[in-house]
Amino acid sequence: MNLNKVFVLGNLTRDPELRQTPGGQSVCSFGVATNTFYTSRTGEKKKKAEFHNIVAWGRQAEIISQFLKKGSLV
């Protein structure tokens, strides 16, 4: 079995959306923006944003929707 682990640290781009599956399981989806700062070849400092769509399930989904909002660090 292969396992990949990723840590995404950034700010929420929108309020989390909580919904329920037909079986009653909680599902929360939200967007996270991460920023990268770098210096170009000309010496100019630049900032680049990357956007990630995240889905959380179960109790974790409920906690996210309860405590986090747009702009929150996560």
C-alpha atoms as a PDB file:
ATOM      1  CA  MET A   1       0.000   0.000   0.000  1.00  0.00           C
ATOM      2  CA  ASN A   2       1.302   3.451  -0.934  1.00  0.00           C
ATOM      3  CA  LEU A   3       0.529   6.507   1.178  1.00  0.00           C
ATOM      4  CA  ASN A   4       0.978  10.128   0.193  1.00  0.00           C
ATOM      5  CA  LYS A   5       0.734  12.865   2.800  1.00  0.00           C
ATOM      6  CA  VAL A   6       0.326  16.537   1.969  1.00  0.00           C
ATOM      7  CA  PHE A   7       0.278  19.552   4.269  1.00  0.00           C
ATOM      8  CA  VAL A   8      -1.512  22.607   2.880  1.00  0.00           C
ATOM      9  CA  LEU A   9      -1.201  25.810   4.905  1.00  0.00           C
ATOM     10  CA  GLY A  10      -3.079  28.849   3.671  1.00  0.00           C
ATOM     11  CA  ASN A  11      -6.216  30.952   3.921  1.00  0.00           C
ATOM     12  CA  LEU A  12      -9.777  29.942   3.090  1.00  0.00           C
ATOM     13  CA  THR A  13     -10.975  31.495  -0.157  1.00  0.00           C
ATOM     14  CA  ARG A  14     -14.672  30.968   0.649  1.00  0.00           C
ATOM     15  CA  ASP A  15     -16.873  29.896   3.544  1.00  0.00           C
ATOM     16  CA  PRO A  16     -16.945  26.103   4.032  1.00  0.00           C
ATOM     17  CA  GLU A  17     -19.996  24.367   2.530  1.00  0.00           C
ATOM     18  CA  LEU A  18     -21.389  21.589   4.737  1.00  0.00           C
ATOM     19  CA  ARG A  19     -23.745  18.976   3.307  1.00  0.00           C
ATOM     20  CA  GLN A  20     -24.921  15.458   4.111  1.00  0.00           C
ATOM     21  CA  THR A  21     -24.691  12.320   1.981  1.00  0.00           C
ATOM     22  CA  PRO A  22     -27.886  10.247   1.601  1.00  0.00           C
ATOM     23  CA  GLY A  23     -26.392   7.922   4.230  1.00  0.00           C
ATOM     24  CA  GLY A  24     -26.075  10.775   6.760  1.00  0.00           C
ATOM     25  CA  GLN A  25     -22.303  11.336   6.511  1.00  0.00           C
ATOM     26  CA  SER A  26     -21.136  14.971   6.779  1.00  0.00           C
ATOM     27  CA  VAL A  27     -19.087  16.380   3.890  1.00  0.00           C
ATOM     28  CA  CYS A  28     -17.473  19.826   3.870  1.00  0.00           C
ATOM     29  CA  SER A  29     -15.802  21.435   0.874  1.00  0.00           C
ATOM     30  CA  PHE A  30     -13.752  24.625   0.855  1.00  0.00           C
ATOM     31  CA  GLY A  31     -10.957  26.362  -1.009  1.00  0.00           C
ATOM     32  CA  VAL A  32      -7.498  27.231   0.296  1.00  0.00           C
ATOM     33  CA  ALA A  33      -5.051  29.722  -1.210  1.00  0.00           C
ATOM     34  CA  THR A  34      -1.325  29.293  -0.640  1.00  0.00           C
ATOM     35  CA  ASN A  35       1.199  32.017  -1.456  1.00  0.00           C
ATOM     36  CA  THR A  36       4.733  31.687  -2.768  1.00  0.00           C
ATOM     37  CA  PHE A  37       7.201  34.569  -2.712  1.00  0.00           C
ATOM     38  CA  TYR A  38      10.175  34.611  -5.048  1.00  0.00           C
ATOM     39  CA  THR A  39      12.630  36.909  -6.802  1.00  0.00           C
ATOM     40  CA  SER A  40      12.553  37.000 -10.605  1.00  0.00           C
ATOM     41  CA  ARG A  41      15.673  36.942 -12.768  1.00  0.00           C
ATOM     42  CA  THR A  42      15.497  40.731 -12.998  1.00  0.00           C
ATOM     43  CA  GLY A  43      15.625  41.019  -9.199  1.00  0.00           C
ATOM     44  CA  GLU A  44      11.969  41.947  -8.819  1.00  0.00           C
ATOM     45  CA  LYS A  45      10.144  40.401  -5.844  1.00  0.00           C
ATOM     46  CA  LYS A  46       6.975  38.565  -6.864  1.00  0.00           C
ATOM     47  CA  LYS A  47       4.114  36.742  -5.198  1.00  0.00           C
ATOM     48  CA  LYS A  48       2.259  33.800  -6.721  1.00  0.00           C
ATOM     49  CA  ALA A  49      -0.952  32.273  -5.369  1.00  0.00           C
ATOM     50  CA  GLU A  50      -2.037  28.660  -5.840  1.00  0.00           C
ATOM     51  CA  PHE A  51      -5.571  27.482  -5.138  1.00  0.00           C
ATOM     52  CA  HIS A  52      -6.562  24.107  -3.704  1.00  0.00           C
ATOM     53  CA  ASN A  53     -10.007  22.516  -3.413  1.00  0.00           C
ATOM     54  CA  ILE A  54     -10.301  20.495  -0.193  1.00  0.00           C
ATOM     55  CA  VAL A  55     -12.970  18.004   0.946  1.00  0.00           C
ATOM     56  CA  ALA A  56     -13.278  16.858   4.580  1.00  0.00           C
ATOM     57  CA  TRP A  57     -15.533  14.079   5.880  1.00  0.00           C
ATOM     58  CA  GLY A  58     -17.266  13.107   9.120  1.00  0.00           C
ATOM     59  CA  ARG A  59     -16.691  14.914  12.395  1.00  0.00           C
ATOM     60  CA  GLN A  60     -13.789  16.881  10.914  1.00  0.00           C
ATOM     61  CA  ALA A  61     -16.187  18.337   8.308  1.00  0.00           C
ATOM     62  CA  GLU A  62     -18.582  19.470  11.051  1.00  0.00           C
ATOM     63  CA  ILE A  63     -15.786  21.130  13.050  1.00  0.00           C
ATOM     64  CA  ILE A  64     -14.469  22.954   9.983  1.00  0.00           C
ATOM     65  CA  SER A  65     -17.883  24.350   9.078  1.00  0.00           C
ATOM     66  CA  GLN A  66     -18.483  25.429  12.681  1.00  0.00           C
ATOM     67  CA  PHE A  67     -15.226  27.286  13.368  1.00  0.00           C
ATOM     68  CA  LEU A  68     -13.739  28.421  10.045  1.00  0.00           C
ATOM     69  CA  LYS A  69     -14.847  31.166   7.663  1.00  0.00           C
ATOM     70  CA  LYS A  70     -13.507  32.950   4.606  1.00  0.00           C
ATOM     71  CA  GLY A  71     -10.008  34.310   5.313  1.00  0.00           C
ATOM     72  CA  SER A  72      -9.265  31.933   8.203  1.00  0.00           C
ATOM     73  CA  LEU A  73      -5.786  30.442   8.371  1.00  0.00           C
ATOM     74  CA  VAL A  74      -5.974  26.693   8.037  1.00  0.00           C
END
